[in-house]
């Protein structure tokens, strides 16, 4: 599983962006009791996923496979999402204030 979030310089309003590229990866039966069974990205994050598979991932809250929360730029290309589920919202993908 992947967690990506912002880096913050305390005493400053400057945020550094985290950038992650995932290529040709299989996420099989990843799970969490929170958000994003396989990937959770928050604030000031750029994630690119290509030629990948998300299968049977589960989240106890939102985003069975992916949770994108606030100021996240996410690109998904030539990838498949199958049989992912969340107990609340977004069986495969959950996003709030993000760009997909």
N, C-alpha and C. Protein backbone atom coordinates (compact mmCIF):
# COMPACT_ATOMS: atom_id res chain seq x y z
N UNK A 1 0.83 -1.18 0.00
CA UNK A 1 0.00 0.00 0.00
C UNK A 1 0.88 1.24 0.00
N UNK A 2 0.28 2.36 -0.43
CA UNK A 2 1.03 3.61 -0.58
C UNK A 2 0.31 4.72 0.19
N UNK A 3 1.08 5.49 0.97
CA UNK A 3 0.56 6.71 1.59
C UNK A 3 1.42 7.86 1.11
N UNK A 4 0.79 8.89 0.58
CA UNK A 4 1.52 10.06 0.12
C UNK A 4 0.84 11.30 0.65
N UNK A 5 1.62 12.20 1.25
CA UNK A 5 1.06 13.42 1.79
C UNK A 5 2.04 14.57 1.69
N UNK A 6 1.63 15.70 2.17
CA UNK A 6 2.44 16.91 2.05
C UNK A 6 3.57 16.95 3.08
N UNK A 7 4.57 17.73 2.75
CA UNK A 7 5.62 18.09 3.70
C UNK A 7 5.40 19.55 4.01
N UNK A 8 5.41 19.91 5.25
CA UNK A 8 5.13 21.29 5.63
C UNK A 8 6.28 21.85 6.44
N UNK A 9 6.71 23.05 6.08
CA UNK A 9 7.75 23.73 6.85
C UNK A 9 7.05 24.54 7.93
N UNK A 10 7.26 24.17 9.18
CA UNK A 10 6.58 24.84 10.27
C UNK A 10 7.01 26.28 10.38
N UNK A 11 6.05 27.14 10.68
CA UNK A 11 6.31 28.57 10.76
C UNK A 11 6.23 29.24 9.39
N UNK A 12 5.86 28.46 8.38
CA UNK A 12 5.77 28.98 7.03
C UNK A 12 4.51 28.42 6.37
N UNK A 13 4.05 29.11 5.35
CA UNK A 13 2.89 28.59 4.62
C UNK A 13 3.34 27.84 3.37
N UNK A 14 4.61 27.52 3.28
CA UNK A 14 5.17 26.84 2.12
C UNK A 14 4.96 25.33 2.23
N UNK A 15 4.43 24.73 1.17
CA UNK A 15 4.19 23.29 1.13
C UNK A 15 5.00 22.68 0.00
N UNK A 16 5.65 21.57 0.25
CA UNK A 16 6.36 20.84 -0.78
C UNK A 16 5.46 19.75 -1.32
N UNK A 17 5.42 19.60 -2.62
CA UNK A 17 4.56 18.61 -3.24
C UNK A 17 5.23 17.25 -3.30
N UNK A 18 4.50 16.23 -2.91
CA UNK A 18 4.96 14.85 -3.04
C UNK A 18 4.52 14.36 -4.41
N UNK A 19 5.42 13.71 -5.13
CA UNK A 19 5.10 13.19 -6.46
C UNK A 19 5.46 11.71 -6.50
N UNK A 20 4.50 10.89 -6.95
CA UNK A 20 4.69 9.44 -6.99
C UNK A 20 4.26 8.92 -8.36
N UNK A 21 5.10 8.09 -8.97
CA UNK A 21 4.77 7.42 -10.23
C UNK A 21 4.75 5.92 -9.99
N UNK A 22 3.63 5.29 -10.33
CA UNK A 22 3.47 3.84 -10.15
C UNK A 22 3.22 3.24 -11.51
N UNK A 23 4.06 2.28 -11.90
CA UNK A 23 3.97 1.68 -13.23
C UNK A 23 3.99 0.16 -13.10
N UNK A 24 3.09 -0.50 -13.85
CA UNK A 24 3.08 -1.95 -13.95
C UNK A 24 3.08 -2.63 -12.56
N UNK A 25 2.09 -2.28 -11.75
CA UNK A 25 2.00 -2.78 -10.37
C UNK A 25 0.65 -3.45 -10.14
N UNK A 26 0.66 -4.50 -9.34
CA UNK A 26 -0.59 -5.18 -8.97
C UNK A 26 -0.84 -4.94 -7.48
N UNK A 27 -2.00 -4.37 -7.18
CA UNK A 27 -2.46 -4.20 -5.80
C UNK A 27 -3.56 -5.24 -5.59
N UNK A 28 -3.24 -6.30 -4.88
CA UNK A 28 -4.16 -7.43 -4.72
C UNK A 28 -4.52 -7.59 -3.25
N UNK A 29 -5.81 -7.41 -2.95
CA UNK A 29 -6.35 -7.62 -1.59
C UNK A 29 -5.72 -6.74 -0.53
N UNK A 30 -5.36 -5.52 -0.90
CA UNK A 30 -4.87 -4.55 0.09
C UNK A 30 -6.06 -4.09 0.93
N UNK A 31 -5.82 -3.77 2.19
CA UNK A 31 -6.93 -3.32 3.03
C UNK A 31 -6.47 -2.38 4.13
N UNK A 32 -7.42 -1.60 4.62
CA UNK A 32 -7.19 -0.68 5.73
C UNK A 32 -8.49 -0.50 6.50
N UNK A 33 -8.39 -0.14 7.75
CA UNK A 33 -9.59 0.17 8.52
C UNK A 33 -10.03 1.61 8.28
N UNK A 34 -9.17 2.40 7.62
CA UNK A 34 -9.47 3.80 7.34
C UNK A 34 -9.81 4.03 5.87
N UNK A 35 -9.15 5.03 5.25
CA UNK A 35 -9.39 5.40 3.85
C UNK A 35 -8.30 4.86 2.94
N UNK A 36 -8.70 4.47 1.72
CA UNK A 36 -7.73 4.07 0.70
C UNK A 36 -7.12 2.71 0.93
N UNK A 37 -7.77 1.66 0.44
CA UNK A 37 -7.28 0.31 0.65
C UNK A 37 -5.88 0.07 0.11
N UNK A 38 -5.55 0.67 -1.03
CA UNK A 38 -4.21 0.48 -1.59
C UNK A 38 -3.43 1.79 -1.66
N UNK A 39 -4.10 2.90 -1.97
CA UNK A 39 -3.41 4.20 -2.03
C UNK A 39 -4.24 5.25 -1.32
N UNK A 40 -3.60 5.98 -0.42
CA UNK A 40 -4.23 7.15 0.20
C UNK A 40 -3.32 8.34 -0.05
N UNK A 41 -3.84 9.34 -0.73
CA UNK A 41 -3.08 10.55 -1.04
C UNK A 41 -3.81 11.74 -0.45
N UNK A 42 -3.07 12.60 0.26
CA UNK A 42 -3.67 13.80 0.85
C UNK A 42 -2.82 15.02 0.54
N UNK A 43 -3.49 16.15 0.41
CA UNK A 43 -2.90 17.48 0.30
C UNK A 43 -1.58 17.58 -0.48
N UNK A 44 -1.60 18.35 -1.54
CA UNK A 44 -0.41 18.69 -2.31
C UNK A 44 0.35 17.45 -2.79
N UNK A 45 -0.37 16.54 -3.40
CA UNK A 45 0.22 15.30 -3.89
C UNK A 45 -0.11 15.11 -5.36
N UNK A 46 0.86 14.61 -6.11
CA UNK A 46 0.65 14.26 -7.51
C UNK A 46 0.95 12.77 -7.63
N UNK A 47 -0.01 12.01 -8.17
CA UNK A 47 0.19 10.58 -8.34
C UNK A 47 -0.20 10.19 -9.75
N UNK A 48 0.67 9.42 -10.37
CA UNK A 48 0.43 8.89 -11.71
C UNK A 48 0.49 7.37 -11.63
N UNK A 49 -0.57 6.71 -12.09
CA UNK A 49 -0.61 5.25 -12.10
C UNK A 49 -0.88 4.79 -13.53
N UNK A 50 -0.04 3.89 -14.03
CA UNK A 50 -0.27 3.36 -15.37
C UNK A 50 0.03 1.87 -15.42
N UNK A 51 -0.70 1.20 -16.30
CA UNK A 51 -0.54 -0.24 -16.53
C UNK A 51 -0.57 -1.03 -15.22
N UNK A 52 -1.54 -0.74 -14.38
CA UNK A 52 -1.62 -1.37 -13.05
C UNK A 52 -3.00 -1.97 -12.81
N UNK A 53 -3.09 -2.83 -11.82
CA UNK A 53 -4.33 -3.52 -11.48
C UNK A 53 -4.61 -3.35 -9.99
N UNK A 54 -5.86 -2.99 -9.68
CA UNK A 54 -6.35 -2.91 -8.30
C UNK A 54 -7.45 -3.94 -8.16
N UNK A 55 -7.19 -5.00 -7.41
CA UNK A 55 -8.13 -6.11 -7.32
C UNK A 55 -8.42 -6.47 -5.86
N UNK A 56 -9.69 -6.47 -5.50
CA UNK A 56 -10.11 -6.93 -4.17
C UNK A 56 -9.61 -6.09 -3.02
N UNK A 57 -9.39 -4.80 -3.25
CA UNK A 57 -8.92 -3.91 -2.17
C UNK A 57 -10.12 -3.43 -1.36
N UNK A 58 -9.91 -3.19 -0.07
CA UNK A 58 -11.01 -2.84 0.83
C UNK A 58 -10.61 -1.72 1.80
N UNK A 59 -11.59 -0.85 2.08
CA UNK A 59 -11.39 0.23 3.05
C UNK A 59 -12.53 0.21 4.05
N UNK A 60 -12.18 0.42 5.30
CA UNK A 60 -13.19 0.47 6.36
C UNK A 60 -14.01 1.73 6.34
N UNK A 61 -13.54 2.75 5.61
CA UNK A 61 -14.29 4.01 5.52
C UNK A 61 -14.53 4.33 4.04
N UNK A 62 -13.65 5.10 3.40
CA UNK A 62 -13.84 5.55 2.02
C UNK A 62 -12.72 5.08 1.10
N UNK A 63 -13.07 4.84 -0.17
CA UNK A 63 -12.07 4.53 -1.19
C UNK A 63 -11.49 3.13 -1.08
N UNK A 64 -12.23 2.15 -1.55
CA UNK A 64 -11.77 0.77 -1.47
C UNK A 64 -10.38 0.57 -2.04
N UNK A 65 -10.11 1.14 -3.21
CA UNK A 65 -8.78 1.06 -3.80
C UNK A 65 -7.99 2.35 -3.59
N UNK A 66 -8.63 3.50 -3.84
CA UNK A 66 -7.94 4.79 -3.83
C UNK A 66 -8.71 5.84 -3.05
N UNK A 67 -8.02 6.60 -2.23
CA UNK A 67 -8.62 7.73 -1.54
C UNK A 67 -7.77 8.97 -1.83
N UNK A 68 -8.39 9.96 -2.45
CA UNK A 68 -7.72 11.20 -2.86
C UNK A 68 -8.37 12.35 -2.11
N UNK A 69 -7.61 12.95 -1.19
CA UNK A 69 -8.22 13.90 -0.26
C UNK A 69 -7.53 15.27 -0.28
N UNK A 70 -8.13 16.23 -0.95
CA UNK A 70 -7.70 17.62 -0.91
C UNK A 70 -6.44 17.93 -1.69
N UNK A 71 -6.57 18.74 -2.74
CA UNK A 71 -5.43 19.20 -3.53
C UNK A 71 -4.54 18.07 -4.03
N UNK A 72 -5.18 17.01 -4.51
CA UNK A 72 -4.45 15.88 -5.09
C UNK A 72 -4.70 15.88 -6.59
N UNK A 73 -3.64 15.75 -7.37
CA UNK A 73 -3.76 15.58 -8.81
C UNK A 73 -3.44 14.12 -9.10
N UNK A 74 -4.41 13.40 -9.68
CA UNK A 74 -4.26 11.97 -9.89
C UNK A 74 -4.51 11.62 -11.34
N UNK A 75 -3.58 10.86 -11.94
CA UNK A 75 -3.74 10.42 -13.31
C UNK A 75 -3.74 8.89 -13.34
N UNK A 76 -4.75 8.31 -13.97
CA UNK A 76 -4.87 6.86 -14.08
C UNK A 76 -4.94 6.51 -15.57
N UNK A 77 -4.02 5.68 -16.04
CA UNK A 77 -3.98 5.32 -17.46
C UNK A 77 -3.76 3.82 -17.64
N UNK A 78 -4.49 3.25 -18.56
CA UNK A 78 -4.34 1.84 -18.93
C UNK A 78 -4.28 0.93 -17.71
N UNK A 79 -5.20 1.14 -16.78
CA UNK A 79 -5.24 0.36 -15.54
C UNK A 79 -6.66 -0.14 -15.30
N UNK A 80 -6.79 -1.18 -14.48
CA UNK A 80 -8.09 -1.78 -14.20
C UNK A 80 -8.35 -1.82 -12.70
N UNK A 81 -9.63 -1.61 -12.35
CA UNK A 81 -10.06 -1.70 -10.95
C UNK A 81 -11.21 -2.70 -10.89
N UNK A 82 -11.03 -3.81 -10.16
CA UNK A 82 -12.04 -4.87 -10.07
C UNK A 82 -12.32 -5.24 -8.63
N UNK A 83 -13.60 -5.40 -8.30
CA UNK A 83 -14.05 -5.94 -7.02
C UNK A 83 -13.43 -5.26 -5.79
N UNK A 84 -13.35 -3.94 -5.85
CA UNK A 84 -12.90 -3.14 -4.70
C UNK A 84 -14.12 -2.65 -3.95
N UNK A 85 -14.01 -2.46 -2.64
CA UNK A 85 -15.17 -1.99 -1.88
C UNK A 85 -14.77 -1.19 -0.66
N UNK A 86 -15.69 -0.29 -0.28
CA UNK A 86 -15.53 0.53 0.92
C UNK A 86 -16.83 0.47 1.70
N UNK A 87 -16.73 0.56 3.01
CA UNK A 87 -17.94 0.50 3.83
C UNK A 87 -18.78 1.76 3.73
N UNK A 88 -18.17 2.89 3.39
CA UNK A 88 -18.92 4.14 3.33
C UNK A 88 -19.09 4.62 1.89
N UNK A 89 -18.09 5.24 1.30
CA UNK A 89 -18.20 5.82 -0.04
C UNK A 89 -17.03 5.41 -0.92
N UNK A 90 -17.27 5.37 -2.22
CA UNK A 90 -16.20 5.12 -3.18
C UNK A 90 -15.68 3.71 -3.17
N UNK A 91 -16.45 2.79 -3.73
CA UNK A 91 -16.02 1.39 -3.76
C UNK A 91 -14.65 1.21 -4.38
N UNK A 92 -14.38 1.90 -5.47
CA UNK A 92 -13.06 1.84 -6.10
C UNK A 92 -12.28 3.12 -5.81
N UNK A 93 -12.90 4.28 -6.09
CA UNK A 93 -12.19 5.57 -5.94
C UNK A 93 -13.06 6.53 -5.14
N UNK A 94 -12.44 7.15 -4.15
CA UNK A 94 -13.09 8.21 -3.38
C UNK A 94 -12.24 9.46 -3.56
N UNK A 95 -12.88 10.57 -3.88
CA UNK A 95 -12.14 11.80 -4.04
C UNK A 95 -12.91 12.99 -3.49
N UNK A 96 -12.19 13.87 -2.82
CA UNK A 96 -12.77 15.11 -2.33
C UNK A 96 -11.76 16.23 -2.57
N UNK A 97 -12.21 17.30 -3.23
CA UNK A 97 -11.34 18.44 -3.55
C UNK A 97 -10.06 18.01 -4.26
N UNK A 98 -10.18 17.07 -5.21
CA UNK A 98 -9.03 16.57 -5.95
C UNK A 98 -9.35 16.56 -7.42
N UNK A 99 -8.31 16.38 -8.26
CA UNK A 99 -8.48 16.35 -9.70
C UNK A 99 -8.07 14.98 -10.22
N UNK A 100 -9.03 14.34 -10.89
CA UNK A 100 -8.78 13.00 -11.44
C UNK A 100 -8.79 13.08 -12.95
